[in-house]
Amino acid sequence: SATLSVIDTGDAARMLEIIAAGAAAAS
């Protein structure tokens, strides 16, 4: 299960943006 139970709200937004862009490029 790839889950982080607690993370800063700002970090969460940046994580969403970075991982979404990285997933599109990797795919």
mmCIF file of all heavy atoms, coordinates in Angstrom:
data_MODEL
# 
_entry.id   MODEL 
# 
loop_
_atom_site.group_PDB 
_atom_site.id 
_atom_site.type_symbol 
_atom_site.label_atom_id 
_atom_site.label_alt_id 
_atom_site.label_comp_id 
_atom_site.label_asym_id 
_atom_site.label_entity_id 
_atom_site.label_seq_id 
_atom_site.pdbx_PDB_ins_code 
_atom_site.Cartn_x 
_atom_site.Cartn_y 
_atom_site.Cartn_z 
_atom_site.occupancy 
_atom_site.B_iso_or_equiv 
_atom_site.pdbx_formal_charge 
_atom_site.auth_seq_id 
_atom_site.auth_comp_id 
_atom_site.auth_asym_id 
_atom_site.auth_atom_id 
_atom_site.pdbx_PDB_model_num 
ATOM 1   N N   . SER A 1 1  ? 0.851  -1.186 0.000   1.00 0.00 ? 1  SER A N   1 
ATOM 2   C CA  . SER A 1 1  ? 0.000  0.000  0.000   1.00 0.00 ? 1  SER A CA  1 
ATOM 3   C C   . SER A 1 1  ? 0.885  1.234  0.000   1.00 0.00 ? 1  SER A C   1 
ATOM 4   O O   . SER A 1 1  ? 1.641  1.475  0.944   1.00 0.00 ? 1  SER A O   1 
ATOM 5   C CB  . SER A 1 1  ? -0.912 0.004  1.234   1.00 0.00 ? 1  SER A CB  1 
ATOM 6   O OG  . SER A 1 1  ? -1.691 1.178  1.273   1.00 0.00 ? 1  SER A OG  1 
ATOM 7   N N   . ALA A 1 2  ? 0.819  2.016  -1.081  1.00 0.00 ? 2  ALA A N   1 
ATOM 8   C CA  . ALA A 1 2  ? 1.643  3.221  -1.234  1.00 0.00 ? 2  ALA A CA  1 
ATOM 9   C C   . ALA A 1 2  ? 0.892  4.413  -0.663  1.00 0.00 ? 2  ALA A C   1 
ATOM 10  O O   . ALA A 1 2  ? 0.252  5.180  -1.394  1.00 0.00 ? 2  ALA A O   1 
ATOM 11  C CB  . ALA A 1 2  ? 2.001  3.436  -2.700  1.00 0.00 ? 2  ALA A CB  1 
ATOM 12  N N   . THR A 1 3  ? 0.956  4.587  0.649   1.00 0.00 ? 3  THR A N   1 
ATOM 13  C CA  . THR A 1 3  ? 0.182  5.610  1.345   1.00 0.00 ? 3  THR A CA  1 
ATOM 14  C C   . THR A 1 3  ? 1.080  6.369  2.317   1.00 0.00 ? 3  THR A C   1 
ATOM 15  O O   . THR A 1 3  ? 1.909  5.774  3.014   1.00 0.00 ? 3  THR A O   1 
ATOM 16  C CB  . THR A 1 3  ? -0.993 4.976  2.113   1.00 0.00 ? 3  THR A CB  1 
ATOM 17  O OG1 . THR A 1 3  ? -1.801 4.234  1.205   1.00 0.00 ? 3  THR A OG1 1 
ATOM 18  C CG2 . THR A 1 3  ? -1.840 6.041  2.771   1.00 0.00 ? 3  THR A CG2 1 
ATOM 19  N N   . LEU A 1 4  ? 0.888  7.681  2.373   1.00 0.00 ? 4  LEU A N   1 
ATOM 20  C CA  . LEU A 1 4  ? 1.478  8.533  3.397   1.00 0.00 ? 4  LEU A CA  1 
ATOM 21  C C   . LEU A 1 4  ? 0.341  9.097  4.233   1.00 0.00 ? 4  LEU A C   1 
ATOM 22  O O   . LEU A 1 4  ? -0.515 9.826  3.725   1.00 0.00 ? 4  LEU A O   1 
ATOM 23  C CB  . LEU A 1 4  ? 2.294  9.671  2.769   1.00 0.00 ? 4  LEU A CB  1 
ATOM 24  C CG  . LEU A 1 4  ? 3.620  9.298  2.105   1.00 0.00 ? 4  LEU A CG  1 
ATOM 25  C CD1 . LEU A 1 4  ? 4.287  10.547 1.535   1.00 0.00 ? 4  LEU A CD1 1 
ATOM 26  C CD2 . LEU A 1 4  ? 4.552  8.603  3.082   1.00 0.00 ? 4  LEU A CD2 1 
ATOM 27  N N   . SER A 1 5  ? 0.328  8.735  5.504   1.00 0.00 ? 5  SER A N   1 
ATOM 28  C CA  . SER A 1 5  ? -0.815 9.109  6.353   1.00 0.00 ? 5  SER A CA  1 
ATOM 29  C C   . SER A 1 5  ? -0.810 10.583 6.714   1.00 0.00 ? 5  SER A C   1 
ATOM 30  O O   . SER A 1 5  ? -1.868 11.184 6.921   1.00 0.00 ? 5  SER A O   1 
ATOM 31  C CB  . SER A 1 5  ? -0.833 8.256  7.621   1.00 0.00 ? 5  SER A CB  1 
ATOM 32  O OG  . SER A 1 5  ? 0.391  8.413  8.337   1.00 0.00 ? 5  SER A OG  1 
ATOM 33  N N   . VAL A 1 6  ? 0.375  11.209 6.824   1.00 0.00 ? 6  VAL A N   1 
ATOM 34  C CA  . VAL A 1 6  ? 0.466  12.633 7.168   1.00 0.00 ? 6  VAL A CA  1 
ATOM 35  C C   . VAL A 1 6  ? 1.537  13.284 6.297   1.00 0.00 ? 6  VAL A C   1 
ATOM 36  O O   . VAL A 1 6  ? 2.632  12.746 6.129   1.00 0.00 ? 6  VAL A O   1 
ATOM 37  C CB  . VAL A 1 6  ? 0.800  12.846 8.665   1.00 0.00 ? 6  VAL A CB  1 
ATOM 38  C CG1 . VAL A 1 6  ? -0.388 12.533 9.542   1.00 0.00 ? 6  VAL A CG1 1 
ATOM 39  C CG2 . VAL A 1 6  ? 2.007  12.019 9.096   1.00 0.00 ? 6  VAL A CG2 1 
ATOM 40  N N   . ILE A 1 7  ? 1.187  14.436 5.741   1.00 0.00 ? 7  ILE A N   1 
ATOM 41  C CA  . ILE A 1 7  ? 2.115  15.203 4.930   1.00 0.00 ? 7  ILE A CA  1 
ATOM 42  C C   . ILE A 1 7  ? 1.618  16.644 4.903   1.00 0.00 ? 7  ILE A C   1 
ATOM 43  O O   . ILE A 1 7  ? 0.400  16.905 4.990   1.00 0.00 ? 7  ILE A O   1 
ATOM 44  C CB  . ILE A 1 7  ? 2.210  14.624 3.501   1.00 0.00 ? 7  ILE A CB  1 
ATOM 45  C CG1 . ILE A 1 7  ? 3.304  15.321 2.702   1.00 0.00 ? 7  ILE A CG1 1 
ATOM 46  C CG2 . ILE A 1 7  ? 0.887  14.706 2.786   1.00 0.00 ? 7  ILE A CG2 1 
ATOM 47  C CD1 . ILE A 1 7  ? 3.538  14.702 1.336   1.00 0.00 ? 7  ILE A CD1 1 
ATOM 48  N N   . ASP A 1 8  ? 2.525  17.584 4.823   1.00 0.00 ? 8  ASP A N   1 
ATOM 49  C CA  . ASP A 1 8  ? 2.151  18.987 4.781   1.00 0.00 ? 8  ASP A CA  1 
ATOM 50  C C   . ASP A 1 8  ? 1.279  19.263 3.550   1.00 0.00 ? 8  ASP A C   1 
ATOM 51  O O   . ASP A 1 8  ? 1.490  18.689 2.479   1.00 0.00 ? 8  ASP A O   1 
ATOM 52  C CB  . ASP A 1 8  ? 3.409  19.850 4.736   1.00 0.00 ? 8  ASP A CB  1 
ATOM 53  C CG  . ASP A 1 8  ? 3.082  21.332 4.728   1.00 0.00 ? 8  ASP A CG  1 
ATOM 54  O OD1 . ASP A 1 8  ? 2.786  21.880 5.805   1.00 0.00 ? 8  ASP A OD1 1 
ATOM 55  O OD2 . ASP A 1 8  ? 3.130  21.928 3.630   1.00 0.00 ? 8  ASP A OD2 1 
ATOM 56  N N   . THR A 1 9  ? 0.288  20.165 3.718   1.00 0.00 ? 9  THR A N   1 
ATOM 57  C CA  . THR A 1 9  ? -0.639 20.446 2.624   1.00 0.00 ? 9  THR A CA  1 
ATOM 58  C C   . THR A 1 9  ? 0.093  20.984 1.397   1.00 0.00 ? 9  THR A C   1 
ATOM 59  O O   . THR A 1 9  ? -0.189 20.579 0.264   1.00 0.00 ? 9  THR A O   1 
ATOM 60  C CB  . THR A 1 9  ? -1.702 21.451 3.085   1.00 0.00 ? 9  THR A CB  1 
ATOM 61  O OG1 . THR A 1 9  ? -2.376 20.924 4.232   1.00 0.00 ? 9  THR A OG1 1 
ATOM 62  C CG2 . THR A 1 9  ? -2.713 21.704 1.985   1.00 0.00 ? 9  THR A CG2 1 
ATOM 63  N N   . GLY A 1 10 ? 1.031  21.895 1.590   1.00 0.00 ? 10 GLY A N   1 
ATOM 64  C CA  . GLY A 1 10 ? 1.788  22.420 0.462   1.00 0.00 ? 10 GLY A CA  1 
ATOM 65  C C   . GLY A 1 10 ? 2.629  21.351 -0.204  1.00 0.00 ? 10 GLY A C   1 
ATOM 66  O O   . GLY A 1 10 ? 2.717  21.292 -1.445  1.00 0.00 ? 10 GLY A O   1 
ATOM 67  N N   . ASP A 1 11 ? 3.256  20.472 0.592   1.00 0.00 ? 11 ASP A N   1 
ATOM 68  C CA  . ASP A 1 11 ? 4.036  19.380 0.023   1.00 0.00 ? 11 ASP A CA  1 
ATOM 69  C C   . ASP A 1 11 ? 3.143  18.420 -0.756  1.00 0.00 ? 11 ASP A C   1 
ATOM 70  O O   . ASP A 1 11 ? 3.556  17.862 -1.776  1.00 0.00 ? 11 ASP A O   1 
ATOM 71  C CB  . ASP A 1 11 ? 4.772  18.629 1.129   1.00 0.00 ? 11 ASP A CB  1 
ATOM 72  C CG  . ASP A 1 11 ? 5.923  19.440 1.710   1.00 0.00 ? 11 ASP A CG  1 
ATOM 73  O OD1 . ASP A 1 11 ? 6.343  20.408 1.049   1.00 0.00 ? 11 ASP A OD1 1 
ATOM 74  O OD2 . ASP A 1 11 ? 6.384  19.094 2.813   1.00 0.00 ? 11 ASP A OD2 1 
ATOM 75  N N   . ALA A 1 12 ? 1.933  18.230 -0.267  1.00 0.00 ? 12 ALA A N   1 
ATOM 76  C CA  . ALA A 1 12 ? 1.010  17.330 -0.956  1.00 0.00 ? 12 ALA A CA  1 
ATOM 77  C C   . ALA A 1 12 ? 0.666  17.865 -2.343  1.00 0.00 ? 12 ALA A C   1 
ATOM 78  O O   . ALA A 1 12 ? 0.599  17.112 -3.325  1.00 0.00 ? 12 ALA A O   1 
ATOM 79  C CB  . ALA A 1 12 ? -0.260 17.136 -0.125  1.00 0.00 ? 12 ALA A CB  1 
ATOM 80  N N   . ALA A 1 13 ? 0.436  19.186 -2.449  1.00 0.00 ? 13 ALA A N   1 
ATOM 81  C CA  . ALA A 1 13 ? 0.128  19.782 -3.750  1.00 0.00 ? 13 ALA A CA  1 
ATOM 82  C C   . ALA A 1 13 ? 1.311  19.652 -4.699  1.00 0.00 ? 13 ALA A C   1 
ATOM 83  O O   . ALA A 1 13 ? 1.148  19.327 -5.886  1.00 0.00 ? 13 ALA A O   1 
ATOM 84  C CB  . ALA A 1 13 ? -0.262 21.242 -3.566  1.00 0.00 ? 13 ALA A CB  1 
ATOM 85  N N   . ARG A 1 14 ? 2.525  19.920 -4.206  1.00 0.00 ? 14 ARG A N   1 
ATOM 86  C CA  . ARG A 1 14 ? 3.699  19.780 -5.060  1.00 0.00 ? 14 ARG A CA  1 
ATOM 87  C C   . ARG A 1 14 ? 3.941  18.321 -5.434  1.00 0.00 ? 14 ARG A C   1 
ATOM 88  O O   . ARG A 1 14 ? 4.351  18.011 -6.556  1.00 0.00 ? 14 ARG A O   1 
ATOM 89  C CB  . ARG A 1 14 ? 4.917  20.361 -4.333  1.00 0.00 ? 14 ARG A CB  1 
ATOM 90  C CG  . ARG A 1 14 ? 4.965  21.889 -4.361  1.00 0.00 ? 14 ARG A CG  1 
ATOM 91  C CD  . ARG A 1 14 ? 6.242  22.406 -3.718  1.00 0.00 ? 14 ARG A CD  1 
ATOM 92  N NE  . ARG A 1 14 ? 6.205  22.291 -2.270  1.00 0.00 ? 14 ARG A NE  1 
ATOM 93  C CZ  . ARG A 1 14 ? 5.737  23.244 -1.466  1.00 0.00 ? 14 ARG A CZ  1 
ATOM 94  N NH1 . ARG A 1 14 ? 5.278  24.376 -1.969  1.00 0.00 ? 14 ARG A NH1 1 
ATOM 95  N NH2 . ARG A 1 14 ? 5.725  23.071 -0.155  1.00 0.00 ? 14 ARG A NH2 1 
ATOM 96  N N   . MET A 1 15 ? 3.684  17.413 -4.484  1.00 0.00 ? 15 MET A N   1 
ATOM 97  C CA  . MET A 1 15 ? 3.841  15.987 -4.771  1.00 0.00 ? 15 MET A CA  1 
ATOM 98  C C   . MET A 1 15 ? 2.886  15.556 -5.882  1.00 0.00 ? 15 MET A C   1 
ATOM 99  O O   . MET A 1 15 ? 3.265  14.804 -6.794  1.00 0.00 ? 15 MET A O   1 
ATOM 100 C CB  . MET A 1 15 ? 3.570  15.176 -3.494  1.00 0.00 ? 15 MET A CB  1 
ATOM 101 C CG  . MET A 1 15 ? 3.628  13.678 -3.664  1.00 0.00 ? 15 MET A CG  1 
ATOM 102 S SD  . MET A 1 15 ? 3.208  12.826 -2.102  1.00 0.00 ? 15 MET A SD  1 
ATOM 103 C CE  . MET A 1 15 ? 3.348  11.115 -2.604  1.00 0.00 ? 15 MET A CE  1 
ATOM 104 N N   . LEU A 1 16 ? 1.652  16.041 -5.836  1.00 0.00 ? 16 LEU A N   1 
ATOM 105 C CA  . LEU A 1 16 ? 0.673  15.715 -6.866  1.00 0.00 ? 16 LEU A CA  1 
ATOM 106 C C   . LEU A 1 16 ? 1.149  16.186 -8.235  1.00 0.00 ? 16 LEU A C   1 
ATOM 107 O O   . LEU A 1 16 ? 1.089  15.440 -9.228  1.00 0.00 ? 16 LEU A O   1 
ATOM 108 C CB  . LEU A 1 16 ? -0.674 16.357 -6.514  1.00 0.00 ? 16 LEU A CB  1 
ATOM 109 C CG  . LEU A 1 16 ? -1.791 16.214 -7.551  1.00 0.00 ? 16 LEU A CG  1 
ATOM 110 C CD1 . LEU A 1 16 ? -2.156 14.761 -7.742  1.00 0.00 ? 16 LEU A CD1 1 
ATOM 111 C CD2 . LEU A 1 16 ? -3.017 17.016 -7.126  1.00 0.00 ? 16 LEU A CD2 1 
ATOM 112 N N   . GLU A 1 17 ? 1.642  17.403 -8.304  1.00 0.00 ? 17 GLU A N   1 
ATOM 113 C CA  . GLU A 1 17 ? 2.078  17.967 -9.579  1.00 0.00 ? 17 GLU A CA  1 
ATOM 114 C C   . GLU A 1 17 ? 3.298  17.240 -10.126 1.00 0.00 ? 17 GLU A C   1 
ATOM 115 O O   . GLU A 1 17 ? 3.354  16.884 -11.311 1.00 0.00 ? 17 GLU A O   1 
ATOM 116 C CB  . GLU A 1 17 ? 2.391  19.448 -9.390  1.00 0.00 ? 17 GLU A CB  1 
ATOM 117 C CG  . GLU A 1 17 ? 2.880  20.139 -10.647 1.00 0.00 ? 17 GLU A CG  1 
ATOM 118 C CD  . GLU A 1 17 ? 3.217  21.600 -10.393 1.00 0.00 ? 17 GLU A CD  1 
ATOM 119 O OE1 . GLU A 1 17 ? 2.959  22.087 -9.271  1.00 0.00 ? 17 GLU A OE1 1 
ATOM 120 O OE2 . GLU A 1 17 ? 3.747  22.245 -11.318 1.00 0.00 ? 17 GLU A OE2 1 
ATOM 121 N N   . ILE A 1 18 ? 4.290  16.983 -9.261  1.00 0.00 ? 18 ILE A N   1 
ATOM 122 C CA  . ILE A 1 18 ? 5.526  16.366 -9.714  1.00 0.00 ? 18 ILE A CA  1 
ATOM 123 C C   . ILE A 1 18 ? 5.301  14.923 -10.150 1.00 0.00 ? 18 ILE A C   1 
ATOM 124 O O   . ILE A 1 18 ? 5.775  14.489 -11.203 1.00 0.00 ? 18 ILE A O   1 
ATOM 125 C CB  . ILE A 1 18 ? 6.577  16.444 -8.600  1.00 0.00 ? 18 ILE A CB  1 
ATOM 126 C CG1 . ILE A 1 18 ? 6.974  17.897 -8.346  1.00 0.00 ? 18 ILE A CG1 1 
ATOM 127 C CG2 . ILE A 1 18 ? 7.798  15.610 -8.937  1.00 0.00 ? 18 ILE A CG2 1 
ATOM 128 C CD1 . ILE A 1 18 ? 7.780  18.093 -7.088  1.00 0.00 ? 18 ILE A CD1 1 
ATOM 129 N N   . ILE A 1 19 ? 4.568  14.151 -9.350  1.00 0.00 ? 19 ILE A N   1 
ATOM 130 C CA  . ILE A 1 19 ? 4.363  12.740 -9.671  1.00 0.00 ? 19 ILE A CA  1 
ATOM 131 C C   . ILE A 1 19 ? 3.474  12.587 -10.890 1.00 0.00 ? 19 ILE A C   1 
ATOM 132 O O   . ILE A 1 19 ? 3.701  11.708 -11.739 1.00 0.00 ? 19 ILE A O   1 
ATOM 133 C CB  . ILE A 1 19 ? 3.799  11.998 -8.445  1.00 0.00 ? 19 ILE A CB  1 
ATOM 134 C CG1 . ILE A 1 19 ? 4.881  11.886 -7.362  1.00 0.00 ? 19 ILE A CG1 1 
ATOM 135 C CG2 . ILE A 1 19 ? 3.287  10.624 -8.829  1.00 0.00 ? 19 ILE A CG2 1 
ATOM 136 C CD1 . ILE A 1 19 ? 4.469  11.106 -6.145  1.00 0.00 ? 19 ILE A CD1 1 
ATOM 137 N N   . ALA A 1 20 ? 2.466  13.438 -11.032 1.00 0.00 ? 20 ALA A N   1 
ATOM 138 C CA  . ALA A 1 20 ? 1.608  13.349 -12.211 1.00 0.00 ? 20 ALA A CA  1 
ATOM 139 C C   . ALA A 1 20 ? 2.409  13.623 -13.482 1.00 0.00 ? 20 ALA A C   1 
ATOM 140 O O   . ALA A 1 20 ? 2.271  12.912 -14.491 1.00 0.00 ? 20 ALA A O   1 
ATOM 141 C CB  . ALA A 1 20 ? 0.450  14.340 -12.080 1.00 0.00 ? 20 ALA A CB  1 
ATOM 142 N N   . ALA A 1 21 ? 3.265  14.661 -13.459 1.00 0.00 ? 21 ALA A N   1 
ATOM 143 C CA  . ALA A 1 21 ? 4.090  14.960 -14.628 1.00 0.00 ? 21 ALA A CA  1 
ATOM 144 C C   . ALA A 1 21 ? 5.107  13.847 -14.881 1.00 0.00 ? 21 ALA A C   1 
ATOM 145 O O   . ALA A 1 21 ? 5.336  13.445 -16.032 1.00 0.00 ? 21 ALA A O   1 
ATOM 146 C CB  . ALA A 1 21 ? 4.795  16.299 -14.431 1.00 0.00 ? 21 ALA A CB  1 
ATOM 147 N N   . GLY A 1 22 ? 5.715  13.331 -13.818 1.00 0.00 ? 22 GLY A N   1 
ATOM 148 C CA  . GLY A 1 22 ? 6.678  12.247 -13.987 1.00 0.00 ? 22 GLY A CA  1 
ATOM 149 C C   . GLY A 1 22 ? 6.052  10.975 -14.509 1.00 0.00 ? 22 GLY A C   1 
ATOM 150 O O   . GLY A 1 22 ? 6.651  10.259 -15.319 1.00 0.00 ? 22 GLY A O   1 
ATOM 151 N N   . ALA A 1 23 ? 4.814  10.673 -14.063 1.00 0.00 ? 23 ALA A N   1 
ATOM 152 C CA  . ALA A 1 23 ? 4.129  9.469  -14.534 1.00 0.00 ? 23 ALA A CA  1 
ATOM 153 C C   . ALA A 1 23 ? 3.803  9.579  -16.018 1.00 0.00 ? 23 ALA A C   1 
ATOM 154 O O   . ALA A 1 23 ? 3.928  8.596  -16.768 1.00 0.00 ? 23 ALA A O   1 
ATOM 155 C CB  . ALA A 1 23 ? 2.863  9.239  -13.721 1.00 0.00 ? 23 ALA A CB  1 
ATOM 156 N N   . ALA A 1 24 ? 3.386  10.771 -16.469 1.00 0.00 ? 24 ALA A N   1 
ATOM 157 C CA  . ALA A 1 24 ? 3.075  10.957 -17.887 1.00 0.00 ? 24 ALA A CA  1 
ATOM 158 C C   . ALA A 1 24 ? 4.329  10.780 -18.739 1.00 0.00 ? 24 ALA A C   1 
ATOM 159 O O   . ALA A 1 24 ? 4.301  10.117 -19.790 1.00 0.00 ? 24 ALA A O   1 
ATOM 160 C CB  . ALA A 1 24 ? 2.464  12.331 -18.108 1.00 0.00 ? 24 ALA A CB  1 
ATOM 161 N N   . ALA A 1 25 ? 5.460  11.347 -18.281 1.00 0.00 ? 25 ALA A N   1 
ATOM 162 C CA  . ALA A 1 25 ? 6.703  11.221 -19.034 1.00 0.00 ? 25 ALA A CA  1 
ATOM 163 C C   . ALA A 1 25 ? 7.204  9.784  -19.045 1.00 0.00 ? 25 ALA A C   1 
ATOM 164 O O   . ALA A 1 25 ? 7.657  9.273  -20.079 1.00 0.00 ? 25 ALA A O   1 
ATOM 165 C CB  . ALA A 1 25 ? 7.763  12.150 -18.444 1.00 0.00 ? 25 ALA A CB  1 
ATOM 166 N N   . ALA A 1 26 ? 7.134  9.104  -17.905 1.00 0.00 ? 26 ALA A N   1 
ATOM 167 C CA  . ALA A 1 26 ? 7.612  7.724  -17.828 1.00 0.00 ? 26 ALA A CA  1 
ATOM 168 C C   . ALA A 1 26 ? 6.754  6.794  -18.663 1.00 0.00 ? 26 ALA A C   1 
ATOM 169 O O   . ALA A 1 26 ? 7.263  5.879  -19.325 1.00 0.00 ? 26 ALA A O   1 
ATOM 170 C CB  . ALA A 1 26 ? 7.629  7.264  -16.367 1.00 0.00 ? 26 ALA A CB  1 
ATOM 171 N N   . SER A 1 27 ? 5.441  7.004  -18.660 1.00 0.00 ? 27 SER A N   1 
ATOM 172 C CA  . SER A 1 27 ? 4.549  6.162  -19.456 1.00 0.00 ? 27 SER A CA  1 
ATOM 173 C C   . SER A 1 27 ? 4.785  6.358  -20.948 1.00 0.00 ? 27 SER A C   1 
ATOM 174 O O   . SER A 1 27 ? 4.728  5.409  -21.731 1.00 0.00 ? 27 SER A O   1 
ATOM 175 C CB  . SER A 1 27 ? 3.093  6.471  -19.097 1.00 0.00 ? 27 SER A CB  1 
ATOM 176 O OG  . SER A 1 27 ? 2.202  5.685  -19.860 1.00 0.00 ? 27 SER A OG  1 
# 
